[in-house]
Amino acid sequence: FYYKKRPAGFDKLISCGRVVLEDHVELGALCT
């Protein structure tokens, strides 16, 4: 969620990274 305010609206910074989960992680339902 990364935007730059422009006169015509918001310009999005494109994401090209990753998510890394290490061993024995648990994520519940509906996490983001």
PDB file of all heavy atoms in Angstrom:
ATOM      1  N   PHE A   1       0.869  -1.178   0.000  1.00  0.00           N
ATOM      2  CA  PHE A   1       0.000   0.000   0.000  1.00  0.00           C
ATOM      3  C   PHE A   1       0.906   1.227   0.000  1.00  0.00           C
ATOM      4  O   PHE A   1       1.273   1.768   1.046  1.00  0.00           O
ATOM      5  CB  PHE A   1      -0.906  -0.023   1.232  1.00  0.00           C
ATOM      6  CG  PHE A   1      -1.977   1.022   1.233  1.00  0.00           C
ATOM      7  CD1 PHE A   1      -3.064   0.934   0.382  1.00  0.00           C
ATOM      8  CD2 PHE A   1      -1.901   2.111   2.092  1.00  0.00           C
ATOM      9  CE1 PHE A   1      -4.059   1.903   0.391  1.00  0.00           C
ATOM     10  CE2 PHE A   1      -2.884   3.075   2.109  1.00  0.00           C
ATOM     11  CZ  PHE A   1      -3.966   2.971   1.254  1.00  0.00           C
ATOM     12  N   TYR A   2       1.316   1.650  -1.197  1.00  0.00           N
ATOM     13  CA  TYR A   2       2.366   2.662  -1.350  1.00  0.00           C
ATOM     14  C   TYR A   2       2.021   3.507  -2.568  1.00  0.00           C
ATOM     15  O   TYR A   2       2.101   3.037  -3.693  1.00  0.00           O
ATOM     16  CB  TYR A   2       3.708   1.957  -1.540  1.00  0.00           C
ATOM     17  CG  TYR A   2       4.946   2.817  -1.364  1.00  0.00           C
ATOM     18  CD1 TYR A   2       6.047   2.332  -0.676  1.00  0.00           C
ATOM     19  CD2 TYR A   2       5.043   4.094  -1.906  1.00  0.00           C
ATOM     20  CE1 TYR A   2       7.209   3.083  -0.524  1.00  0.00           C
ATOM     21  CE2 TYR A   2       6.184   4.856  -1.763  1.00  0.00           C
ATOM     22  CZ  TYR A   2       7.266   4.339  -1.060  1.00  0.00           C
ATOM     23  OH  TYR A   2       8.402   5.092  -0.924  1.00  0.00           O
ATOM     24  N   TYR A   3       1.633   4.764  -2.353  1.00  0.00           N
ATOM     25  CA  TYR A   3       1.162   5.640  -3.423  1.00  0.00           C
ATOM     26  C   TYR A   3       1.801   7.021  -3.319  1.00  0.00           C
ATOM     27  O   TYR A   3       2.101   7.506  -2.224  1.00  0.00           O
ATOM     28  CB  TYR A   3      -0.358   5.796  -3.363  1.00  0.00           C
ATOM     29  CG  TYR A   3      -1.116   4.529  -3.655  1.00  0.00           C
ATOM     30  CD1 TYR A   3      -1.395   3.612  -2.643  1.00  0.00           C
ATOM     31  CD2 TYR A   3      -1.544   4.237  -4.947  1.00  0.00           C
ATOM     32  CE1 TYR A   3      -2.077   2.442  -2.907  1.00  0.00           C
ATOM     33  CE2 TYR A   3      -2.236   3.068  -5.220  1.00  0.00           C
ATOM     34  CZ  TYR A   3      -2.495   2.180  -4.200  1.00  0.00           C
ATOM     35  OH  TYR A   3      -3.169   1.019  -4.475  1.00  0.00           O
ATOM     36  N   LYS A   4       1.975   7.642  -4.458  1.00  0.00           N
ATOM     37  CA  LYS A   4       2.437   9.034  -4.530  1.00  0.00           C
ATOM     38  C   LYS A   4       1.285   9.893  -5.023  1.00  0.00           C
ATOM     39  O   LYS A   4       0.643   9.554  -6.023  1.00  0.00           O
ATOM     40  CB  LYS A   4       3.626   9.151  -5.487  1.00  0.00           C
ATOM     41  CG  LYS A   4       4.211  10.565  -5.593  1.00  0.00           C
ATOM     42  CD  LYS A   4       5.374  10.583  -6.563  1.00  0.00           C
ATOM     43  CE  LYS A   4       5.993  11.972  -6.678  1.00  0.00           C
ATOM     44  NZ  LYS A   4       6.627  12.399  -5.418  1.00  0.00           N
ATOM     45  N   LYS A   5       1.018  10.993  -4.326  1.00  0.00           N
ATOM     46  CA  LYS A   5      -0.081  11.890  -4.726  1.00  0.00           C
ATOM     47  C   LYS A   5       0.355  12.713  -5.942  1.00  0.00           C
ATOM     48  O   LYS A   5       1.381  13.393  -5.909  1.00  0.00           O
ATOM     49  CB  LYS A   5      -0.465  12.806  -3.571  1.00  0.00           C
ATOM     50  CG  LYS A   5      -1.674  13.683  -3.859  1.00  0.00           C
ATOM     51  CD  LYS A   5      -2.923  12.847  -3.923  1.00  0.00           C
ATOM     52  CE  LYS A   5      -4.213  13.561  -4.155  1.00  0.00           C
ATOM     53  NZ  LYS A   5      -4.384  14.937  -4.035  1.00  0.00           N
ATOM     54  N   ARG A   6      -0.432  12.613  -7.000  1.00  0.00           N
ATOM     55  CA  ARG A   6      -0.211  13.393  -8.215  1.00  0.00           C
ATOM     56  C   ARG A   6      -1.404  14.325  -8.425  1.00  0.00           C
ATOM     57  O   ARG A   6      -2.482  14.094  -7.864  1.00  0.00           O
ATOM     58  CB  ARG A   6      -0.095  12.458  -9.423  1.00  0.00           C
ATOM     59  CG  ARG A   6       0.959  11.375  -9.306  1.00  0.00           C
ATOM     60  CD  ARG A   6       2.325  11.886  -9.640  1.00  0.00           C
ATOM     61  NE  ARG A   6       3.239  10.787  -9.943  1.00  0.00           N
ATOM     62  CZ  ARG A   6       4.514  10.945 -10.202  1.00  0.00           C
ATOM     63  NH1 ARG A   6       5.042  12.163 -10.215  1.00  0.00           N
ATOM     64  NH2 ARG A   6       5.294   9.902 -10.470  1.00  0.00           N
ATOM     65  N   PRO A   7      -1.253  15.361  -9.253  1.00  0.00           N
ATOM     66  CA  PRO A   7      -2.399  16.226  -9.535  1.00  0.00           C
ATOM     67  C   PRO A   7      -3.602  15.461 -10.093  1.00  0.00           C
ATOM     68  O   PRO A   7      -4.750  15.828  -9.823  1.00  0.00           O
ATOM     69  CB  PRO A   7      -1.844  17.214 -10.575  1.00  0.00           C
ATOM     70  CG  PRO A   7      -0.387  17.272 -10.274  1.00  0.00           C
ATOM     71  CD  PRO A   7      -0.006  15.889  -9.846  1.00  0.00           C
ATOM     72  N   ALA A   8      -3.335  14.403 -10.840  1.00  0.00           N
ATOM     73  CA  ALA A   8      -4.434  13.636 -11.442  1.00  0.00           C
ATOM     74  C   ALA A   8      -4.926  12.497 -10.547  1.00  0.00           C
ATOM     75  O   ALA A   8      -5.876  11.802 -10.904  1.00  0.00           O
ATOM     76  CB  ALA A   8      -3.990  13.060 -12.789  1.00  0.00           C
ATOM     77  N   GLY A   9      -4.290  12.292  -9.394  1.00  0.00           N
ATOM     78  CA  GLY A   9      -4.694  11.199  -8.518  1.00  0.00           C
ATOM     79  C   GLY A   9      -3.481  10.518  -7.910  1.00  0.00           C
ATOM     80  O   GLY A   9      -2.388  11.082  -7.854  1.00  0.00           O
ATOM     81  N   PHE A  10      -3.671   9.294  -7.450  1.00  0.00           N
ATOM     82  CA  PHE A  10      -2.608   8.559  -6.784  1.00  0.00           C
ATOM     83  C   PHE A  10      -1.869   7.667  -7.770  1.00  0.00           C
ATOM     84  O   PHE A  10      -2.483   6.942  -8.558  1.00  0.00           O
ATOM     85  CB  PHE A  10      -3.182   7.705  -5.652  1.00  0.00           C
ATOM     86  CG  PHE A  10      -3.718   8.504  -4.502  1.00  0.00           C
ATOM     87  CD1 PHE A  10      -5.081   8.662  -4.333  1.00  0.00           C
ATOM     88  CD2 PHE A  10      -2.855   9.107  -3.595  1.00  0.00           C
ATOM     89  CE1 PHE A  10      -5.588   9.409  -3.285  1.00  0.00           C
ATOM     90  CE2 PHE A  10      -3.342   9.849  -2.540  1.00  0.00           C
ATOM     91  CZ  PHE A  10      -4.713  10.003  -2.379  1.00  0.00           C
ATOM     92  N   ASP A  11      -0.542   7.713  -7.703  1.00  0.00           N
ATOM     93  CA  ASP A  11       0.320   6.906  -8.559  1.00  0.00           C
ATOM     94  C   ASP A  11       0.922   5.805  -7.703  1.00  0.00           C
ATOM     95  O   ASP A  11       1.562   6.067  -6.683  1.00  0.00           O
ATOM     96  CB  ASP A  11       1.415   7.788  -9.153  1.00  0.00           C
ATOM     97  CG  ASP A  11       2.143   7.124 -10.300  1.00  0.00           C
ATOM     98  OD1 ASP A  11       1.776   5.991 -10.660  1.00  0.00           O
ATOM     99  OD2 ASP A  11       3.086   7.734 -10.836  1.00  0.00           O
ATOM    100  N   LYS A  12       0.752   4.565  -8.117  1.00  0.00           N
ATOM    101  CA  LYS A  12       1.158   3.416  -7.315  1.00  0.00           C
ATOM    102  C   LYS A  12       2.622   3.055  -7.535  1.00  0.00           C
ATOM    103  O   LYS A  12       3.088   3.016  -8.672  1.00  0.00           O
ATOM    104  CB  LYS A  12       0.270   2.223  -7.684  1.00  0.00           C
ATOM    105  CG  LYS A  12       0.533   0.952  -6.896  1.00  0.00           C
ATOM    106  CD  LYS A  12      -0.483  -0.101  -7.305  1.00  0.00           C
ATOM    107  CE  LYS A  12      -0.299  -1.379  -6.520  1.00  0.00           C
ATOM    108  NZ  LYS A  12      -1.341  -2.378  -6.847  1.00  0.00           N
ATOM    109  N   LEU A  13       3.333   2.794  -6.428  1.00  0.00           N
ATOM    110  CA  LEU A  13       4.676   2.244  -6.544  1.00  0.00           C
ATOM    111  C   LEU A  13       4.552   0.733  -6.743  1.00  0.00           C
ATOM    112  O   LEU A  13       3.957   0.035  -5.914  1.00  0.00           O
ATOM    113  CB  LEU A  13       5.502   2.545  -5.299  1.00  0.00           C
ATOM    114  CG  LEU A  13       6.976   2.147  -5.379  1.00  0.00           C
ATOM    115  CD1 LEU A  13       7.702   2.946  -6.463  1.00  0.00           C
ATOM    116  CD2 LEU A  13       7.678   2.348  -4.039  1.00  0.00           C
ATOM    117  N   ILE A  14       5.084   0.241  -7.838  1.00  0.00           N
ATOM    118  CA  ILE A  14       4.939  -1.167  -8.191  1.00  0.00           C
ATOM    119  C   ILE A  14       5.741  -2.027  -7.218  1.00  0.00           C
ATOM    120  O   ILE A  14       6.900  -1.735  -6.909  1.00  0.00           O
ATOM    121  CB  ILE A  14       5.397  -1.402  -9.640  1.00  0.00           C
ATOM    122  CG1 ILE A  14       4.436  -0.692 -10.598  1.00  0.00           C
ATOM    123  CG2 ILE A  14       5.473  -2.890  -9.963  1.00  0.00           C
ATOM    124  CD1 ILE A  14       4.905  -0.651 -12.021  1.00  0.00           C
ATOM    125  N   SER A  15       5.125  -3.086  -6.742  1.00  0.00           N
ATOM    126  CA  SER A  15       5.774  -4.008  -5.805  1.00  0.00           C
ATOM    127  C   SER A  15       6.382  -5.173  -6.576  1.00  0.00           C
ATOM    128  O   SER A  15       5.707  -5.819  -7.375  1.00  0.00           O
ATOM    129  CB  SER A  15       4.751  -4.550  -4.802  1.00  0.00           C
ATOM    130  OG  SER A  15       4.156  -3.507  -4.075  1.00  0.00           O
ATOM    131  N   CYS A  16       7.651  -5.449  -6.297  1.00  0.00           N
ATOM    132  CA  CYS A  16       8.279  -6.610  -6.933  1.00  0.00           C
ATOM    133  C   CYS A  16       9.068  -7.433  -5.926  1.00  0.00           C
ATOM    134  O   CYS A  16       9.967  -8.193  -6.291  1.00  0.00           O
ATOM    135  CB  CYS A  16       9.162  -6.158  -8.091  1.00  0.00           C
ATOM    136  SG  CYS A  16      10.416  -4.944  -7.655  1.00  0.00           S
ATOM    137  N   GLY A  17       8.740  -7.293  -4.646  1.00  0.00           N
ATOM    138  CA  GLY A  17       9.394  -8.070  -3.605  1.00  0.00           C
ATOM    139  C   GLY A  17       8.713  -9.406  -3.360  1.00  0.00           C
ATOM    140  O   GLY A  17       7.988  -9.922  -4.216  1.00  0.00           O
ATOM    141  N   ARG A  18       8.925  -9.954  -2.170  1.00  0.00           N
ATOM    142  CA  ARG A  18       8.406 -11.287  -1.842  1.00  0.00           C
ATOM    143  C   ARG A  18       7.834 -11.295  -0.423  1.00  0.00           C
ATOM    144  O   ARG A  18       8.051 -10.385   0.364  1.00  0.00           O
ATOM    145  CB  ARG A  18       9.518 -12.334  -1.899  1.00  0.00           C
ATOM    146  CG  ARG A  18      10.357 -12.356  -3.157  1.00  0.00           C
ATOM    147  CD  ARG A  18      11.377 -13.493  -3.109  1.00  0.00           C
ATOM    148  NE  ARG A  18      12.269 -13.380  -1.962  1.00  0.00           N
ATOM    149  CZ  ARG A  18      13.196 -14.295  -1.638  1.00  0.00           C
ATOM    150  NH1 ARG A  18      13.333 -15.386  -2.367  1.00  0.00           N
ATOM    151  NH2 ARG A  18      13.984 -14.123  -0.580  1.00  0.00           N
ATOM    152  N   VAL A  19       7.139 -12.399  -0.107  1.00  0.00           N
ATOM    153  CA  VAL A  19       6.833 -12.772   1.271  1.00  0.00           C
ATOM    154  C   VAL A  19       7.635 -14.027   1.581  1.00  0.00           C
ATOM    155  O   VAL A  19       7.662 -14.966   0.771  1.00  0.00           O
ATOM    156  CB  VAL A  19       5.335 -13.034   1.484  1.00  0.00           C
ATOM    157  CG1 VAL A  19       5.074 -13.666   2.849  1.00  0.00           C
ATOM    158  CG2 VAL A  19       4.542 -11.744   1.343  1.00  0.00           C
ATOM    159  N   VAL A  20       8.291 -14.056   2.735  1.00  0.00           N
ATOM    160  CA  VAL A  20       9.063 -15.219   3.161  1.00  0.00           C
ATOM    161  C   VAL A  20       8.548 -15.671   4.525  1.00  0.00           C
ATOM    162  O   VAL A  20       8.574 -14.898   5.496  1.00  0.00           O
ATOM    163  CB  VAL A  20      10.567 -14.899   3.245  1.00  0.00           C
ATOM    164  CG1 VAL A  20      11.341 -16.101   3.790  1.00  0.00           C
ATOM    165  CG2 VAL A  20      11.106 -14.491   1.877  1.00  0.00           C
ATOM    166  N   LEU A  21       8.068 -16.921   4.601  1.00  0.00           N
ATOM    167  CA  LEU A  21       7.674 -17.533   5.864  1.00  0.00           C
ATOM    168  C   LEU A  21       8.705 -18.596   6.222  1.00  0.00           C
ATOM    169  O   LEU A  21       8.985 -19.491   5.415  1.00  0.00           O
ATOM    170  CB  LEU A  21       6.298 -18.201   5.758  1.00  0.00           C
ATOM    171  CG  LEU A  21       5.114 -17.381   5.249  1.00  0.00           C
ATOM    172  CD1 LEU A  21       3.839 -18.224   5.295  1.00  0.00           C
ATOM    173  CD2 LEU A  21       4.937 -16.104   6.048  1.00  0.00           C
ATOM    174  N   GLU A  22       9.260 -18.500   7.412  1.00  0.00           N
ATOM    175  CA  GLU A  22      10.222 -19.506   7.839  1.00  0.00           C
ATOM    176  C   GLU A  22       9.507 -20.727   8.426  1.00  0.00           C
ATOM    177  O   GLU A  22       8.275 -20.804   8.440  1.00  0.00           O
ATOM    178  CB  GLU A  22      11.202 -18.886   8.831  1.00  0.00           C
ATOM    179  CG  GLU A  22      12.079 -17.806   8.192  1.00  0.00           C
ATOM    180  CD  GLU A  22      13.162 -17.285   9.116  1.00  0.00           C
ATOM    181  OE1 GLU A  22      13.198 -17.687  10.304  1.00  0.00           O
ATOM    182  OE2 GLU A  22      13.997 -16.479   8.653  1.00  0.00           O
ATOM    183  N   ASP A  23      10.261 -21.697   8.897  1.00  0.00           N
ATOM    184  CA  ASP A  23       9.710 -22.972   9.363  1.00  0.00           C
ATOM    185  C   ASP A  23       8.778 -22.787  10.565  1.00  0.00           C
ATOM    186  O   ASP A  23       8.970 -21.900  11.399  1.00  0.00           O
ATOM    187  CB  ASP A  23      10.837 -23.922   9.777  1.00  0.00           C
ATOM    188  CG  ASP A  23      11.753 -24.299   8.631  1.00  0.00           C
ATOM    189  OD1 ASP A  23      11.406 -24.002   7.468  1.00  0.00           O
ATOM    190  OD2 ASP A  23      12.817 -24.890   8.902  1.00  0.00           O
ATOM    191  N   HIS A  24       7.762 -23.662  10.625  1.00  0.00           N
ATOM    192  CA  HIS A  24       6.853 -23.761  11.772  1.00  0.00           C
ATOM    193  C   HIS A  24       6.036 -22.488  12.011  1.00  0.00           C
ATOM    194  O   HIS A  24       5.570 -22.235  13.124  1.00  0.00           O
ATOM    195  CB  HIS A  24       7.619 -24.137  13.046  1.00  0.00           C
ATOM    196  CG  HIS A  24       8.307 -25.463  12.967  1.00  0.00           C
ATOM    197  ND1 HIS A  24       7.626 -26.661  13.040  1.00  0.00           N
ATOM    198  CD2 HIS A  24       9.619 -25.772  12.772  1.00  0.00           C
ATOM    199  CE1 HIS A  24       8.496 -27.665  12.924  1.00  0.00           C
ATOM    200  NE2 HIS A  24       9.709 -27.157  12.750  1.00  0.00           N
ATOM    201  N   VAL A  25       5.828 -21.704  10.981  1.00  0.00           N
ATOM    202  CA  VAL A  25       4.906 -20.560  11.072  1.00  0.00           C
ATOM    203  C   VAL A  25       3.486 -21.059  10.852  1.00  0.00           C
ATOM    204  O   VAL A  25       3.253 -21.971  10.060  1.00  0.00           O
ATOM    205  CB  VAL A  25       5.275 -19.492  10.014  1.00  0.00           C
ATOM    206  CG1 VAL A  25       4.162 -18.464   9.832  1.00  0.00           C
ATOM    207  CG2 VAL A  25       6.581 -18.802  10.399  1.00  0.00           C
ATOM    208  N   GLU A  26       2.524 -20.464  11.562  1.00  0.00           N
ATOM    209  CA  GLU A  26       1.107 -20.749  11.311  1.00  0.00           C
ATOM    210  C   GLU A  26       0.360 -19.435  11.144  1.00  0.00           C
ATOM    211  O   GLU A  26       0.491 -18.524  11.967  1.00  0.00           O
ATOM    212  CB  GLU A  26       0.485 -21.570  12.437  1.00  0.00           C
ATOM    213  CG  GLU A  26      -0.983 -21.886  12.173  1.00  0.00           C
ATOM    214  CD  GLU A  26      -1.511 -23.079  12.962  1.00  0.00           C
ATOM    215  OE1 GLU A  26      -0.720 -23.732  13.659  1.00  0.00           O
ATOM    216  OE2 GLU A  26      -2.726 -23.345  12.881  1.00  0.00           O
ATOM    217  N   LEU A  27      -0.419 -19.347  10.067  1.00  0.00           N
ATOM    218  CA  LEU A  27      -1.237 -18.181   9.778  1.00  0.00           C
ATOM    219  C   LEU A  27      -2.698 -18.566   9.865  1.00  0.00           C
ATOM    220  O   LEU A  27      -3.127 -19.541   9.241  1.00  0.00           O
ATOM    221  CB  LEU A  27      -0.927 -17.633   8.379  1.00  0.00           C
ATOM    222  CG  LEU A  27       0.537 -17.304   8.064  1.00  0.00           C
ATOM    223  CD1 LEU A  27       0.654 -16.749   6.643  1.00  0.00           C
ATOM    224  CD2 LEU A  27       1.117 -16.322   9.067  1.00  0.00           C
ATOM    225  N   GLY A  28      -3.495 -17.786  10.600  1.00  0.00           N
ATOM    226  CA  GLY A  28      -4.923 -18.059  10.718  1.00  0.00           C
ATOM    227  C   GLY A  28      -5.671 -17.734   9.442  1.00  0.00           C
ATOM    228  O   GLY A  28      -5.088 -17.356   8.415  1.00  0.00           O
ATOM    229  N   ALA A  29      -6.988 -17.840   9.515  1.00  0.00           N
ATOM    230  CA  ALA A  29      -7.832 -17.564   8.353  1.00  0.00           C
ATOM    231  C   ALA A  29      -7.889 -16.065   8.070  1.00  0.00           C
ATOM    232  O   ALA A  29      -7.854 -15.236   8.982  1.00  0.00           O
ATOM    233  CB  ALA A  29      -9.242 -18.100   8.598  1.00  0.00           C
ATOM    234  N   LEU A  30      -7.949 -15.736   6.785  1.00  0.00           N
ATOM    235  CA  LEU A  30      -8.175 -14.363   6.319  1.00  0.00           C
ATOM    236  C   LEU A  30      -7.079 -13.393   6.746  1.00  0.00           C
ATOM    237  O   LEU A  30      -7.332 -12.210   6.971  1.00  0.00           O
ATOM    238  CB  LEU A  30      -9.545 -13.856   6.794  1.00  0.00           C
ATOM    239  CG  LEU A  30     -10.753 -14.657   6.302  1.00  0.00           C
ATOM    240  CD1 LEU A  30     -12.023 -14.178   6.979  1.00  0.00           C
ATOM    241  CD2 LEU A  30     -10.891 -14.586   4.794  1.00  0.00           C
ATOM    242  N   CYS A  31      -5.858 -13.864   6.830  1.00  0.00           N
ATOM    243  CA  CYS A  31      -4.723 -12.972   7.039  1.00  0.00           C
ATOM    244  C   CYS A  31      -4.255 -12.424   5.691  1.00  0.00           C
ATOM    245  O   CYS A  31      -4.431 -13.070   4.654  1.00  0.00           O
ATOM    246  CB  CYS A  31      -3.566 -13.695   7.719  1.00  0.00           C
ATOM    247  SG  CYS A  31      -3.907 -14.186   9.417  1.00  0.00           S
ATOM    248  N   THR A  32      -3.649 -11.242   5.710  1.00  0.00           N
ATOM    249  CA  THR A  32      -3.103 -10.654   4.487  1.00  0.00           C
ATOM    250  C   THR A  32      -1.675 -10.213   4.772  1.00  0.00           C
ATOM    251  O   THR A  32      -1.445  -9.350   5.629  1.00  0.00           O
ATOM    252  CB  THR A  32      -3.946  -9.456   4.005  1.00  0.00           C
ATOM    253  OG1 THR A  32      -4.143  -8.534   5.092  1.00  0.00           O
ATOM    254  CG2 THR A  32      -5.307  -9.929   3.521  1.00  0.00           C
TER     255      THR A  32
END
